Amino acid sequence: MDIRELQGYASFFMTVFLVVMLYGYIIYLYRSEKKGERDYEKYGNIAIDDEIDSTPVEDKPASQRYKEENKK
């Protein structure tokens, strides 16, 4: 087994690993949006609605909201 063959195997397994990670992330985003935790469509509109006086996407920072949810 020479270095070329080893590089080929490493490239193949890295590609498979990255595809699995990508699909896992897509599933995570889909599930969190279905649960109502986040609305990612609002974040997609940030680039379109980029004015100084436009309303914020979230009313509170995520860290504050997380703290308040854990108090209950």
N, C-alpha and C. Protein backbone atom coordinates (compact mmCIF):
# COMPACT_ATOMS: atom_id res chain seq x y z
N MET A 1 0.86 -1.18 0.00
CA MET A 1 0.00 0.00 0.00
C MET A 1 0.90 1.24 0.00
N ASP A 2 0.83 1.95 -1.08
CA ASP A 2 1.64 3.16 -1.17
C ASP A 2 0.84 4.38 -0.71
N ILE A 3 1.49 5.53 -0.74
CA ILE A 3 0.90 6.76 -0.21
C ILE A 3 -0.30 7.21 -1.04
N ARG A 4 -0.28 6.97 -2.36
CA ARG A 4 -1.40 7.36 -3.22
C ARG A 4 -2.68 6.62 -2.85
N GLU A 5 -2.55 5.34 -2.59
CA GLU A 5 -3.70 4.53 -2.22
C GLU A 5 -4.24 4.96 -0.85
N LEU A 6 -3.35 5.25 0.06
CA LEU A 6 -3.74 5.72 1.39
C LEU A 6 -4.45 7.07 1.30
N GLN A 7 -3.96 7.97 0.46
CA GLN A 7 -4.61 9.26 0.26
C GLN A 7 -6.00 9.10 -0.35
N GLY A 8 -6.16 8.15 -1.24
CA GLY A 8 -7.46 7.88 -1.85
C GLY A 8 -8.46 7.41 -0.82
N TYR A 9 -8.06 6.48 0.04
CA TYR A 9 -8.95 5.99 1.10
C TYR A 9 -9.30 7.11 2.08
N ALA A 10 -8.31 7.89 2.45
CA ALA A 10 -8.54 8.99 3.39
C ALA A 10 -9.49 10.02 2.80
N SER A 11 -9.32 10.32 1.53
CA SER A 11 -10.21 11.28 0.86
C SER A 11 -11.63 10.76 0.81
N PHE A 12 -11.79 9.49 0.49
CA PHE A 12 -13.13 8.89 0.42
C PHE A 12 -13.81 8.92 1.79
N PHE A 13 -13.12 8.48 2.83
CA PHE A 13 -13.72 8.44 4.16
C PHE A 13 -13.98 9.84 4.71
N MET A 14 -13.14 10.81 4.39
CA MET A 14 -13.38 12.19 4.82
C MET A 14 -14.62 12.74 4.13
N THR A 15 -14.79 12.44 2.86
CA THR A 15 -15.98 12.89 2.13
C THR A 15 -17.24 12.28 2.73
N VAL A 16 -17.21 11.00 3.03
CA VAL A 16 -18.37 10.33 3.64
C VAL A 16 -18.66 10.93 5.00
N PHE A 17 -17.64 11.18 5.79
CA PHE A 17 -17.81 11.78 7.11
C PHE A 17 -18.45 13.16 7.02
N LEU A 18 -17.96 13.98 6.10
CA LEU A 18 -18.50 15.33 5.95
C LEU A 18 -19.94 15.32 5.44
N VAL A 19 -20.28 14.38 4.58
CA VAL A 19 -21.67 14.26 4.10
C VAL A 19 -22.58 13.88 5.25
N VAL A 20 -22.16 12.95 6.08
CA VAL A 20 -22.96 12.54 7.24
C VAL A 20 -23.14 13.71 8.20
N MET A 21 -22.08 14.48 8.44
CA MET A 21 -22.18 15.64 9.31
C MET A 21 -23.13 16.69 8.73
N LEU A 22 -23.08 16.92 7.43
CA LEU A 22 -23.95 17.89 6.78
C LEU A 22 -25.42 17.49 6.92
N TYR A 23 -25.72 16.22 6.64
CA TYR A 23 -27.10 15.76 6.77
C TYR A 23 -27.57 15.80 8.22
N GLY A 24 -26.68 15.50 9.16
CA GLY A 24 -27.03 15.61 10.57
C GLY A 24 -27.37 17.03 10.96
N TYR A 25 -26.62 17.99 10.46
CA TYR A 25 -26.89 19.40 10.75
C TYR A 25 -28.21 19.85 10.12
N ILE A 26 -28.48 19.39 8.91
CA ILE A 26 -29.74 19.75 8.25
C ILE A 26 -30.92 19.18 9.04
N ILE A 27 -30.80 17.96 9.51
CA ILE A 27 -31.87 17.35 10.31
C ILE A 27 -32.05 18.10 11.61
N TYR A 28 -30.94 18.51 12.24
CA TYR A 28 -31.02 19.29 13.48
C TYR A 28 -31.77 20.61 13.25
N LEU A 29 -31.44 21.32 12.18
CA LEU A 29 -32.12 22.57 11.88
C LEU A 29 -33.61 22.34 11.61
N TYR A 30 -33.93 21.31 10.88
CA TYR A 30 -35.32 21.01 10.56
C TYR A 30 -36.11 20.69 11.82
N ARG A 31 -35.54 19.88 12.70
CA ARG A 31 -36.25 19.50 13.93
C ARG A 31 -36.43 20.69 14.87
N SER A 32 -35.42 21.53 14.99
CA SER A 32 -35.55 22.67 15.90
C SER A 32 -36.57 23.67 15.37
N GLU A 33 -36.69 23.78 14.07
CA GLU A 33 -37.70 24.68 13.51
C GLU A 33 -39.09 24.08 13.69
N LYS A 34 -39.22 22.77 13.56
CA LYS A 34 -40.51 22.12 13.77
C LYS A 34 -40.98 22.23 15.22
N LYS A 35 -40.05 22.17 16.17
CA LYS A 35 -40.40 22.29 17.59
C LYS A 35 -40.78 23.71 17.96
N GLY A 36 -40.42 24.66 17.14
CA GLY A 36 -40.73 26.06 17.41
C GLY A 36 -39.66 26.77 18.21
N GLU A 37 -38.49 26.18 18.33
CA GLU A 37 -37.40 26.82 19.07
C GLU A 37 -36.86 28.03 18.32
N ARG A 38 -36.71 27.92 17.03
CA ARG A 38 -36.20 29.01 16.20
C ARG A 38 -36.95 29.03 14.88
N ASP A 39 -37.03 30.23 14.31
CA ASP A 39 -37.59 30.38 12.97
C ASP A 39 -36.46 30.85 12.07
N TYR A 40 -35.83 29.92 11.39
CA TYR A 40 -34.66 30.23 10.59
C TYR A 40 -35.00 31.03 9.34
N GLU A 41 -36.26 31.08 8.97
CA GLU A 41 -36.65 31.89 7.82
C GLU A 41 -36.46 33.38 8.12
N LYS A 42 -36.66 33.76 9.37
CA LYS A 42 -36.42 35.15 9.77
C LYS A 42 -34.95 35.51 9.59
N TYR A 43 -34.07 34.59 9.94
CA TYR A 43 -32.64 34.86 9.79
C TYR A 43 -32.25 34.97 8.31
N GLY A 44 -32.95 34.26 7.45
CA GLY A 44 -32.69 34.36 6.02
C GLY A 44 -33.07 35.71 5.45
N ASN A 45 -34.02 36.39 6.10
CA ASN A 45 -34.46 37.70 5.62
C ASN A 45 -33.56 38.84 6.10
N ILE A 46 -32.58 38.55 6.91
CA ILE A 46 -31.69 39.60 7.41
C ILE A 46 -30.96 40.29 6.26
N ALA A 47 -30.51 39.53 5.29
CA ALA A 47 -29.77 40.11 4.17
C ALA A 47 -30.67 40.98 3.30
N ILE A 48 -31.95 40.64 3.22
CA ILE A 48 -32.87 41.42 2.39
C ILE A 48 -33.31 42.70 3.12
N ASP A 49 -33.64 42.58 4.39
CA ASP A 49 -34.13 43.70 5.18
C ASP A 49 -32.99 44.23 6.05
N ASP A 50 -32.09 44.95 5.43
CA ASP A 50 -30.88 45.40 6.13
C ASP A 50 -30.89 46.92 6.26
N GLU A 51 -31.85 47.43 6.99
CA GLU A 51 -31.95 48.87 7.24
C GLU A 51 -31.63 49.14 8.70
N ILE A 52 -31.22 50.34 9.01
CA ILE A 52 -30.86 50.71 10.39
C ILE A 52 -32.08 50.74 11.29
N ASP A 53 -33.25 51.03 10.74
CA ASP A 53 -34.45 51.13 11.58
C ASP A 53 -35.35 49.90 11.47
N SER A 54 -34.88 48.81 10.89
CA SER A 54 -35.69 47.59 10.80
C SER A 54 -35.76 46.90 12.17
N THR A 55 -36.80 46.15 12.37
CA THR A 55 -37.00 45.48 13.67
C THR A 55 -36.01 44.33 13.82
N PRO A 56 -35.58 44.07 15.04
CA PRO A 56 -34.65 42.96 15.27
C PRO A 56 -35.34 41.61 15.03
N VAL A 57 -34.55 40.62 14.73
CA VAL A 57 -35.08 39.28 14.50
C VAL A 57 -35.58 38.69 15.81
N GLU A 58 -34.81 38.87 16.87
CA GLU A 58 -35.19 38.38 18.20
C GLU A 58 -35.25 39.56 19.15
N ASP A 59 -36.19 39.50 20.08
CA ASP A 59 -36.32 40.59 21.03
C ASP A 59 -35.31 40.50 22.16
N LYS A 60 -34.82 39.31 22.46
CA LYS A 60 -33.84 39.12 23.52
C LYS A 60 -32.67 38.32 22.98
N PRO A 61 -31.50 38.51 23.53
CA PRO A 61 -30.39 37.64 23.14
C PRO A 61 -30.69 36.19 23.53
N ALA A 62 -30.13 35.29 22.79
CA ALA A 62 -30.39 33.87 23.03
C ALA A 62 -29.96 33.43 24.42
N SER A 63 -28.89 34.02 24.95
CA SER A 63 -28.41 33.62 26.27
C SER A 63 -29.42 33.99 27.36
N GLN A 64 -30.05 35.17 27.24
CA GLN A 64 -31.06 35.56 28.22
C GLN A 64 -32.29 34.68 28.12
N ARG A 65 -32.71 34.38 26.90
CA ARG A 65 -33.88 33.54 26.72
C ARG A 65 -33.61 32.14 27.28
N TYR A 66 -32.41 31.63 27.10
CA TYR A 66 -32.05 30.32 27.60
C TYR A 66 -32.07 30.29 29.12
N LYS A 67 -31.58 31.35 29.74
CA LYS A 67 -31.58 31.43 31.20
C LYS A 67 -33.01 31.46 31.75
N GLU A 68 -33.89 32.22 31.08
CA GLU A 68 -35.27 32.33 31.54
C GLU A 68 -36.01 31.02 31.37
N GLU A 69 -35.74 30.29 30.32
CA GLU A 69 -36.39 29.00 30.09
C GLU A 69 -35.96 27.97 31.13
N ASN A 70 -34.71 28.05 31.56
CA ASN A 70 -34.22 27.07 32.53
C ASN A 70 -34.69 27.38 33.95
N LYS A 71 -35.11 28.61 34.23
CA LYS A 71 -35.61 28.95 35.55
C LYS A 71 -36.96 28.31 35.82
N LYS A 72 -37.73 28.09 34.76
CA LYS A 72 -39.09 27.55 34.91
C LYS A 72 -39.09 26.08 35.20
